[in-house]
N, C-alpha and C. Protein backbone atom coordinates (compact mmCIF):
# COMPACT_ATOMS: atom_id res chain seq x y z
N MET A 1 0.85 -1.18 0.00
CA MET A 1 0.00 0.00 0.00
C MET A 1 0.89 1.24 0.00
N ASP A 2 0.53 2.20 -0.83
CA ASP A 2 1.25 3.47 -0.91
C ASP A 2 0.67 4.40 0.16
N GLU A 3 1.47 4.70 1.19
CA GLU A 3 1.01 5.53 2.31
C GLU A 3 0.70 6.96 1.91
N THR A 4 1.14 7.40 0.74
CA THR A 4 0.90 8.79 0.30
C THR A 4 -0.43 8.93 -0.45
N LYS A 5 -1.10 7.81 -0.72
CA LYS A 5 -2.37 7.83 -1.46
C LYS A 5 -3.54 7.47 -0.55
N GLN A 6 -4.72 7.85 -0.97
CA GLN A 6 -5.95 7.44 -0.30
C GLN A 6 -6.12 5.93 -0.48
N PRO A 7 -6.91 5.29 0.42
CA PRO A 7 -7.04 3.83 0.33
C PRO A 7 -7.76 3.32 -0.92
N GLY A 8 -8.54 4.18 -1.56
CA GLY A 8 -9.27 3.71 -2.74
C GLY A 8 -10.48 2.87 -2.39
N ILE A 9 -11.06 3.16 -1.24
CA ILE A 9 -12.25 2.44 -0.77
C ILE A 9 -13.30 3.47 -0.43
N GLN A 10 -14.53 3.17 -0.77
CA GLN A 10 -15.61 4.10 -0.44
C GLN A 10 -16.71 3.38 0.33
N VAL A 11 -17.33 4.13 1.23
CA VAL A 11 -18.49 3.63 1.95
C VAL A 11 -19.70 4.00 1.11
N ASP A 12 -20.39 3.01 0.61
CA ASP A 12 -21.54 3.25 -0.27
C ASP A 12 -22.80 3.59 0.51
N ARG A 13 -22.97 2.97 1.68
CA ARG A 13 -24.17 3.22 2.46
C ARG A 13 -23.95 2.75 3.90
N ILE A 14 -24.49 3.53 4.85
CA ILE A 14 -24.52 3.13 6.26
C ILE A 14 -25.97 3.25 6.70
N PHE A 15 -26.49 2.20 7.34
CA PHE A 15 -27.89 2.23 7.75
C PHE A 15 -28.10 1.37 8.99
N VAL A 16 -29.20 1.65 9.69
CA VAL A 16 -29.60 0.82 10.83
C VAL A 16 -30.31 -0.40 10.25
N SER A 17 -29.75 -1.57 10.47
CA SER A 17 -30.38 -2.77 9.94
C SER A 17 -31.29 -3.44 10.97
N ARG A 18 -31.09 -3.11 12.25
CA ARG A 18 -31.98 -3.64 13.29
C ARG A 18 -31.93 -2.71 14.49
N ALA A 19 -33.09 -2.46 15.08
CA ALA A 19 -33.17 -1.62 16.28
C ALA A 19 -34.27 -2.15 17.18
N HIS A 20 -33.95 -2.23 18.47
CA HIS A 20 -34.92 -2.72 19.45
C HIS A 20 -34.66 -1.99 20.77
N LEU A 21 -35.72 -1.52 21.39
CA LEU A 21 -35.62 -0.91 22.72
C LEU A 21 -36.85 -1.31 23.51
N GLU A 22 -36.63 -1.72 24.74
CA GLU A 22 -37.76 -1.95 25.64
C GLU A 22 -37.34 -1.54 27.04
N HIS A 23 -38.32 -1.12 27.81
CA HIS A 23 -38.08 -0.75 29.21
C HIS A 23 -38.16 -2.02 30.05
N GLY A 24 -37.26 -2.09 31.01
CA GLY A 24 -37.26 -3.22 31.94
C GLY A 24 -38.00 -2.86 33.21
N THR A 25 -38.07 -3.79 34.11
CA THR A 25 -38.79 -3.57 35.36
C THR A 25 -38.17 -2.46 36.19
N LEU A 26 -36.86 -2.30 36.14
CA LEU A 26 -36.21 -1.25 36.92
C LEU A 26 -36.58 0.15 36.42
N ALA A 27 -36.81 0.30 35.14
CA ALA A 27 -37.15 1.61 34.58
C ALA A 27 -38.47 2.13 35.13
N HIS A 28 -39.38 1.23 35.42
CA HIS A 28 -40.69 1.64 35.93
C HIS A 28 -40.69 1.94 37.42
N GLN A 29 -39.59 1.61 38.09
CA GLN A 29 -39.50 1.89 39.51
C GLN A 29 -38.94 3.29 39.80
N LEU A 30 -38.36 3.91 38.78
CA LEU A 30 -37.80 5.26 38.97
C LEU A 30 -38.84 6.31 38.62
N PRO A 31 -38.82 7.44 39.33
CA PRO A 31 -39.72 8.53 38.95
C PRO A 31 -39.30 9.13 37.60
N ASP A 32 -40.27 9.70 36.91
CA ASP A 32 -39.96 10.36 35.63
C ASP A 32 -38.87 11.40 35.83
N GLY A 33 -38.00 11.49 34.86
CA GLY A 33 -36.96 12.50 34.89
C GLY A 33 -35.71 12.11 35.64
N GLN A 34 -35.77 11.04 36.42
CA GLN A 34 -34.57 10.62 37.14
C GLN A 34 -33.67 9.84 36.19
N SER A 35 -32.39 10.20 36.20
CA SER A 35 -31.43 9.52 35.35
C SER A 35 -31.22 8.09 35.81
N ILE A 36 -30.97 7.23 34.86
CA ILE A 36 -30.68 5.84 35.20
C ILE A 36 -29.17 5.69 35.34
N PRO A 37 -28.73 4.71 36.11
CA PRO A 37 -27.29 4.48 36.22
C PRO A 37 -26.74 3.94 34.90
N SER A 38 -25.47 3.70 34.85
CA SER A 38 -24.86 3.21 33.61
C SER A 38 -25.47 1.88 33.18
N ILE A 39 -25.44 1.65 31.89
CA ILE A 39 -26.00 0.44 31.31
C ILE A 39 -24.83 -0.40 30.77
N PRO A 40 -24.69 -1.64 31.20
CA PRO A 40 -23.63 -2.49 30.64
C PRO A 40 -23.89 -2.75 29.15
N ILE A 41 -22.90 -2.47 28.36
CA ILE A 41 -23.04 -2.59 26.90
C ILE A 41 -22.07 -3.64 26.37
N GLN A 42 -22.53 -4.38 25.40
CA GLN A 42 -21.67 -5.31 24.68
C GLN A 42 -21.63 -4.87 23.23
N ILE A 43 -20.51 -5.10 22.60
CA ILE A 43 -20.38 -4.76 21.19
C ILE A 43 -19.79 -5.96 20.46
N ALA A 44 -20.28 -6.16 19.25
CA ALA A 44 -19.76 -7.21 18.39
C ALA A 44 -19.62 -6.63 16.99
N TYR A 45 -18.66 -7.13 16.26
CA TYR A 45 -18.44 -6.66 14.89
C TYR A 45 -18.19 -7.88 14.01
N GLU A 46 -18.81 -7.84 12.85
CA GLU A 46 -18.66 -8.92 11.88
C GLU A 46 -18.56 -8.30 10.50
N SER A 47 -17.70 -8.84 9.66
CA SER A 47 -17.59 -8.32 8.30
C SER A 47 -17.37 -9.48 7.32
N HIS A 48 -17.77 -9.22 6.10
CA HIS A 48 -17.60 -10.20 5.02
C HIS A 48 -17.19 -9.45 3.76
N THR A 49 -16.27 -10.03 3.03
CA THR A 49 -15.83 -9.46 1.75
C THR A 49 -16.28 -10.40 0.65
N ALA A 50 -16.76 -9.83 -0.45
CA ALA A 50 -17.20 -10.64 -1.59
C ALA A 50 -16.00 -11.41 -2.15
N ASP A 51 -16.29 -12.50 -2.85
CA ASP A 51 -15.23 -13.34 -3.41
C ASP A 51 -14.30 -12.57 -4.34
N ASP A 52 -14.84 -11.56 -5.02
CA ASP A 52 -14.00 -10.79 -5.95
C ASP A 52 -13.13 -9.76 -5.23
N GLY A 53 -13.33 -9.57 -3.92
CA GLY A 53 -12.53 -8.63 -3.15
C GLY A 53 -12.84 -7.17 -3.43
N LYS A 54 -13.95 -6.91 -4.10
CA LYS A 54 -14.28 -5.54 -4.50
C LYS A 54 -15.43 -4.93 -3.69
N ARG A 55 -16.19 -5.76 -2.98
CA ARG A 55 -17.33 -5.30 -2.19
C ARG A 55 -17.31 -5.97 -0.84
N GLY A 56 -17.89 -5.29 0.17
CA GLY A 56 -17.94 -5.88 1.49
C GLY A 56 -19.08 -5.32 2.32
N ILE A 57 -19.37 -6.01 3.40
CA ILE A 57 -20.40 -5.57 4.33
C ILE A 57 -19.84 -5.72 5.75
N GLY A 58 -20.07 -4.71 6.57
CA GLY A 58 -19.66 -4.74 7.97
C GLY A 58 -20.85 -4.43 8.85
N VAL A 59 -21.00 -5.16 9.95
CA VAL A 59 -22.12 -4.96 10.86
C VAL A 59 -21.58 -4.81 12.29
N LEU A 60 -21.88 -3.65 12.89
CA LEU A 60 -21.52 -3.37 14.27
C LEU A 60 -22.78 -3.50 15.11
N THR A 61 -22.76 -4.38 16.10
CA THR A 61 -23.93 -4.61 16.95
C THR A 61 -23.64 -4.11 18.36
N VAL A 62 -24.52 -3.26 18.87
CA VAL A 62 -24.44 -2.75 20.23
C VAL A 62 -25.66 -3.29 20.96
N SER A 63 -25.43 -3.95 22.09
CA SER A 63 -26.57 -4.50 22.84
C SER A 63 -26.33 -4.33 24.33
N SER A 64 -27.42 -4.35 25.07
CA SER A 64 -27.35 -4.26 26.52
C SER A 64 -27.58 -5.63 27.12
N ASP A 65 -27.38 -5.73 28.41
CA ASP A 65 -27.61 -6.97 29.14
C ASP A 65 -29.09 -7.33 29.03
N HIS A 66 -29.36 -8.57 28.77
CA HIS A 66 -30.75 -9.01 28.60
C HIS A 66 -31.30 -9.76 29.80
N GLU A 67 -30.56 -9.78 30.87
CA GLU A 67 -31.02 -10.46 32.08
C GLU A 67 -31.81 -9.50 32.95
N GLU A 68 -32.91 -9.95 33.51
CA GLU A 68 -33.67 -9.14 34.47
C GLU A 68 -32.89 -9.05 35.76
N PRO A 69 -32.96 -8.00 36.52
CA PRO A 69 -33.66 -6.76 36.20
C PRO A 69 -32.77 -5.83 35.37
N TYR A 70 -33.39 -4.97 34.57
CA TYR A 70 -32.65 -4.02 33.74
C TYR A 70 -33.50 -2.77 33.55
N PHE A 71 -32.84 -1.69 33.13
CA PHE A 71 -33.53 -0.44 32.84
C PHE A 71 -34.00 -0.45 31.39
N TYR A 72 -33.06 -0.58 30.48
CA TYR A 72 -33.36 -0.66 29.06
C TYR A 72 -32.76 -1.95 28.52
N ARG A 73 -33.50 -2.58 27.65
CA ARG A 73 -32.95 -3.69 26.86
C ARG A 73 -32.90 -3.15 25.44
N MET A 74 -31.73 -3.17 24.85
CA MET A 74 -31.62 -2.62 23.51
C MET A 74 -30.68 -3.45 22.65
N LEU A 75 -30.90 -3.32 21.36
CA LEU A 75 -30.03 -3.93 20.38
C LEU A 75 -30.06 -3.04 19.15
N ILE A 76 -28.91 -2.60 18.72
CA ILE A 76 -28.79 -1.76 17.52
C ILE A 76 -27.76 -2.41 16.61
N GLU A 77 -28.10 -2.57 15.35
CA GLU A 77 -27.14 -3.04 14.34
C GLU A 77 -26.95 -1.95 13.30
N MET A 78 -25.72 -1.51 13.15
CA MET A 78 -25.36 -0.55 12.10
C MET A 78 -24.63 -1.33 11.02
N THR A 79 -25.07 -1.15 9.80
CA THR A 79 -24.50 -1.89 8.68
C THR A 79 -23.88 -0.92 7.68
N ALA A 80 -22.72 -1.27 7.16
CA ALA A 80 -22.04 -0.48 6.13
C ALA A 80 -21.79 -1.35 4.91
N LEU A 81 -22.09 -0.81 3.76
CA LEU A 81 -21.75 -1.44 2.49
C LEU A 81 -20.58 -0.65 1.92
N VAL A 82 -19.51 -1.33 1.59
CA VAL A 82 -18.31 -0.66 1.10
C VAL A 82 -17.87 -1.30 -0.21
N SER A 83 -17.09 -0.53 -0.98
CA SER A 83 -16.57 -1.06 -2.24
C SER A 83 -15.24 -0.40 -2.57
N VAL A 84 -14.51 -1.05 -3.44
CA VAL A 84 -13.25 -0.52 -3.94
C VAL A 84 -13.56 0.49 -5.03
N THR A 85 -12.87 1.62 -5.01
CA THR A 85 -13.03 2.65 -6.04
C THR A 85 -12.20 2.24 -7.25
N GLN A 86 -12.88 1.96 -8.36
CA GLN A 86 -12.20 1.52 -9.58
C GLN A 86 -11.13 2.53 -10.00
N GLY A 87 -9.93 2.04 -10.27
CA GLY A 87 -8.84 2.87 -10.72
C GLY A 87 -8.04 3.51 -9.59
N ASP A 88 -8.56 3.50 -8.38
CA ASP A 88 -7.86 4.09 -7.23
C ASP A 88 -7.49 3.05 -6.18
N GLU A 89 -7.50 1.78 -6.55
CA GLU A 89 -7.22 0.71 -5.59
C GLU A 89 -5.84 0.94 -4.95
N ASN A 90 -5.81 0.91 -3.62
CA ASN A 90 -4.55 1.09 -2.91
C ASN A 90 -4.47 0.18 -1.69
N MET A 91 -5.53 0.14 -0.89
CA MET A 91 -5.57 -0.71 0.30
C MET A 91 -6.43 -1.93 -0.01
N PRO A 92 -6.00 -3.12 0.40
CA PRO A 92 -6.86 -4.28 0.21
C PRO A 92 -8.16 -4.09 1.00
N LEU A 93 -9.27 -4.38 0.37
CA LEU A 93 -10.56 -4.20 1.03
C LEU A 93 -10.63 -4.99 2.33
N ALA A 94 -10.07 -6.18 2.35
CA ALA A 94 -10.11 -7.01 3.56
C ALA A 94 -9.44 -6.30 4.73
N THR A 95 -8.43 -5.49 4.48
CA THR A 95 -7.77 -4.73 5.55
C THR A 95 -8.71 -3.68 6.11
N TYR A 96 -9.41 -2.97 5.24
CA TYR A 96 -10.33 -1.93 5.69
C TYR A 96 -11.54 -2.52 6.41
N MET A 97 -11.92 -3.73 6.06
CA MET A 97 -13.12 -4.36 6.63
C MET A 97 -12.94 -4.74 8.09
N GLY A 98 -11.73 -4.70 8.60
CA GLY A 98 -11.48 -5.03 10.00
C GLY A 98 -11.70 -3.83 10.90
N GLN A 99 -10.71 -3.51 11.68
CA GLN A 99 -10.81 -2.45 12.69
C GLN A 99 -11.18 -1.08 12.11
N PRO A 100 -10.63 -0.66 10.95
CA PRO A 100 -11.00 0.68 10.45
C PRO A 100 -12.50 0.87 10.23
N LEU A 101 -13.18 -0.12 9.68
CA LEU A 101 -14.61 0.03 9.43
C LEU A 101 -15.40 -0.03 10.73
N ALA A 102 -15.00 -0.88 11.66
CA ALA A 102 -15.69 -0.94 12.96
C ALA A 102 -15.61 0.42 13.66
N VAL A 103 -14.45 1.04 13.63
CA VAL A 103 -14.27 2.35 14.25
C VAL A 103 -15.11 3.40 13.52
N ALA A 104 -15.19 3.32 12.20
CA ALA A 104 -16.00 4.27 11.42
C ALA A 104 -17.49 4.12 11.72
N LEU A 105 -17.95 2.91 12.00
CA LEU A 105 -19.37 2.67 12.27
C LEU A 105 -19.80 3.10 13.67
N TYR A 106 -18.87 3.14 14.62
CA TYR A 106 -19.24 3.39 16.01
C TYR A 106 -19.98 4.71 16.24
N PRO A 107 -19.56 5.83 15.67
CA PRO A 107 -20.33 7.07 15.90
C PRO A 107 -21.78 6.98 15.40
N PHE A 108 -22.00 6.23 14.35
CA PHE A 108 -23.36 6.05 13.85
C PHE A 108 -24.19 5.21 14.82
N ALA A 109 -23.57 4.18 15.39
CA ALA A 109 -24.26 3.36 16.40
C ALA A 109 -24.54 4.19 17.65
N ARG A 110 -23.59 5.00 18.05
CA ARG A 110 -23.76 5.86 19.23
C ARG A 110 -24.94 6.82 19.03
N GLU A 111 -25.01 7.40 17.84
CA GLU A 111 -26.11 8.31 17.53
C GLU A 111 -27.45 7.58 17.53
N ALA A 112 -27.48 6.37 16.97
CA ALA A 112 -28.73 5.60 16.92
C ALA A 112 -29.19 5.22 18.33
N VAL A 113 -28.27 4.84 19.21
CA VAL A 113 -28.63 4.50 20.59
C VAL A 113 -29.19 5.73 21.29
N ALA A 114 -28.53 6.88 21.13
CA ALA A 114 -29.00 8.11 21.77
C ALA A 114 -30.38 8.51 21.27
N ALA A 115 -30.60 8.39 19.97
CA ALA A 115 -31.90 8.76 19.40
C ALA A 115 -33.00 7.81 19.88
N LEU A 116 -32.71 6.53 19.89
CA LEU A 116 -33.71 5.55 20.29
C LEU A 116 -34.05 5.66 21.78
N THR A 117 -33.03 5.75 22.62
CA THR A 117 -33.29 5.86 24.06
C THR A 117 -33.85 7.23 24.42
N GLY A 118 -33.61 8.22 23.58
CA GLY A 118 -34.18 9.55 23.81
C GLY A 118 -35.70 9.53 23.77
N ARG A 119 -36.25 8.54 23.13
CA ARG A 119 -37.71 8.36 23.10
C ARG A 119 -38.20 7.53 24.28
N GLY A 120 -37.27 7.04 25.09
CA GLY A 120 -37.62 6.24 26.25
C GLY A 120 -38.00 7.11 27.44
N ARG A 121 -38.37 6.50 28.51
CA ARG A 121 -38.89 7.19 29.68
C ARG A 121 -37.85 8.04 30.40
N HIS A 122 -36.59 7.65 30.33
CA HIS A 122 -35.56 8.33 31.10
C HIS A 122 -34.52 9.06 30.25
N GLY A 123 -34.81 9.30 29.00
CA GLY A 123 -33.95 10.12 28.17
C GLY A 123 -32.81 9.37 27.51
N SER A 124 -32.03 10.13 26.75
CA SER A 124 -30.96 9.56 25.93
C SER A 124 -29.85 8.93 26.74
N VAL A 125 -29.34 7.83 26.22
CA VAL A 125 -28.16 7.17 26.74
C VAL A 125 -27.06 7.38 25.71
N TYR A 126 -25.90 7.85 26.17
CA TYR A 126 -24.77 8.10 25.28
C TYR A 126 -23.68 7.07 25.54
N LEU A 127 -23.30 6.35 24.51
CA LEU A 127 -22.25 5.35 24.65
C LEU A 127 -20.91 6.04 24.82
N LYS A 128 -20.09 5.48 25.70
CA LYS A 128 -18.75 5.99 25.91
C LYS A 128 -17.85 5.54 24.76
N PRO A 129 -16.76 6.27 24.52
CA PRO A 129 -15.78 5.79 23.53
C PRO A 129 -15.26 4.41 23.93
N PHE A 130 -14.75 3.69 22.97
CA PHE A 130 -14.26 2.35 23.27
C PHE A 130 -12.87 2.15 22.67
N ASN A 131 -12.18 1.16 23.18
CA ASN A 131 -10.86 0.81 22.72
C ASN A 131 -11.00 -0.27 21.65
N ALA A 132 -10.87 0.12 20.40
CA ALA A 132 -11.06 -0.82 19.31
C ALA A 132 -10.01 -1.93 19.33
N ALA A 133 -8.78 -1.59 19.71
CA ALA A 133 -7.73 -2.61 19.77
C ALA A 133 -8.11 -3.69 20.77
N GLU A 134 -8.70 -3.29 21.91
CA GLU A 134 -9.13 -4.26 22.92
C GLU A 134 -10.27 -5.13 22.39
N LEU A 135 -11.20 -4.50 21.66
CA LEU A 135 -12.31 -5.26 21.08
C LEU A 135 -11.79 -6.33 20.13
N PHE A 136 -10.83 -5.97 19.28
CA PHE A 136 -10.33 -6.94 18.31
C PHE A 136 -9.43 -7.98 18.97
N ALA A 137 -8.76 -7.62 20.06
CA ALA A 137 -7.98 -8.61 20.81
C ALA A 137 -8.93 -9.61 21.46
N ALA A 138 -10.05 -9.11 22.02
CA ALA A 138 -11.05 -9.99 22.63
C ALA A 138 -11.70 -10.86 21.56
N LYS A 139 -11.88 -10.31 20.37
CA LYS A 139 -12.50 -11.05 19.28
C LYS A 139 -11.62 -12.23 18.86
N GLU A 140 -10.30 -12.05 18.94
CA GLU A 140 -9.40 -13.15 18.60
C GLU A 140 -9.53 -14.29 19.61
N LYS A 141 -9.79 -13.93 20.88
CA LYS A 141 -9.95 -14.95 21.92
C LYS A 141 -11.31 -15.63 21.83
N ALA A 142 -12.37 -14.83 21.63
CA ALA A 142 -13.74 -15.33 21.50
C ALA A 142 -14.36 -14.60 20.32
N PRO A 143 -14.26 -15.16 19.12
CA PRO A 143 -14.63 -14.45 17.90
C PRO A 143 -16.02 -13.82 17.85
N SER A 144 -16.96 -14.29 18.64
CA SER A 144 -18.31 -13.74 18.53
C SER A 144 -18.63 -12.72 19.61
N GLU A 145 -17.69 -12.44 20.51
CA GLU A 145 -18.01 -11.55 21.61
C GLU A 145 -16.94 -10.50 21.81
N GLY A 146 -17.36 -9.36 22.32
CA GLY A 146 -16.45 -8.30 22.73
C GLY A 146 -17.17 -7.46 23.75
N MET A 147 -16.52 -7.13 24.84
CA MET A 147 -17.19 -6.37 25.90
C MET A 147 -16.91 -4.89 25.73
N MET A 148 -17.87 -4.10 26.08
CA MET A 148 -17.78 -2.65 25.99
C MET A 148 -17.92 -2.03 27.36
N PRO A 149 -17.44 -0.79 27.50
CA PRO A 149 -17.66 -0.08 28.76
C PRO A 149 -19.14 0.28 28.88
N PRO A 150 -19.61 0.60 30.09
CA PRO A 150 -21.01 0.98 30.24
C PRO A 150 -21.31 2.28 29.50
N ALA A 151 -22.55 2.45 29.14
CA ALA A 151 -22.99 3.68 28.50
C ALA A 151 -23.20 4.74 29.58
N THR A 152 -23.16 5.99 29.18
CA THR A 152 -23.41 7.05 30.15
C THR A 152 -24.78 7.64 29.89
N LYS A 153 -25.38 8.08 30.92
CA LYS A 153 -26.72 8.66 30.85
C LYS A 153 -26.60 10.16 30.70
N ALA A 154 -27.32 10.71 29.77
CA ALA A 154 -27.33 12.17 29.59
C ALA A 154 -28.05 12.83 30.75
N PRO A 155 -27.50 13.93 31.28
CA PRO A 155 -28.22 14.61 32.36
C PRO A 155 -29.51 15.23 31.83
N ARG A 156 -30.56 15.09 32.58
CA ARG A 156 -31.85 15.65 32.18
C ARG A 156 -31.96 17.06 32.74
N LYS A 157 -32.52 17.93 31.93
CA LYS A 157 -32.76 19.30 32.40
C LYS A 157 -33.95 19.32 33.33
N LYS A 158 -33.82 20.06 34.40
CA LYS A 158 -34.94 20.17 35.34
C LYS A 158 -35.91 21.19 34.79
N LYS A 159 -37.20 20.89 34.97
CA LYS A 159 -38.25 21.79 34.47
C LYS A 159 -38.60 22.82 35.50
């Protein structure tokens, strides 16, 4: 790869492929407007490259603990479709489909979680930044799982 050139890869589309939010029993025990404590979050990333090496799909999944009791149960999947830019090929698509694409998808997942939980009873939940190197190291140990730090709760304005 020529470090002086762009990678020659483009993101064709990023979209929410799955979204789910429900209130748990703990959410109904708090008065309206009271912030909830941090929510344990898990993150997983999966990618596939087409046989021709010119197209790929990456899916970043953010989910909360599904065991009772909980405040919010959520699952968000952000999907990216990527392709090689004809004539500008520089980085192998398989290289971009790993950690770089997972990191690129995270702000979109963070925004989707905040928007979805913002419609919930206790307001928006904002995901904390994460260590992508740690996620991929954990993925090597257990390919289907990666743990994330807890999400932070946005402070609610008093009326």
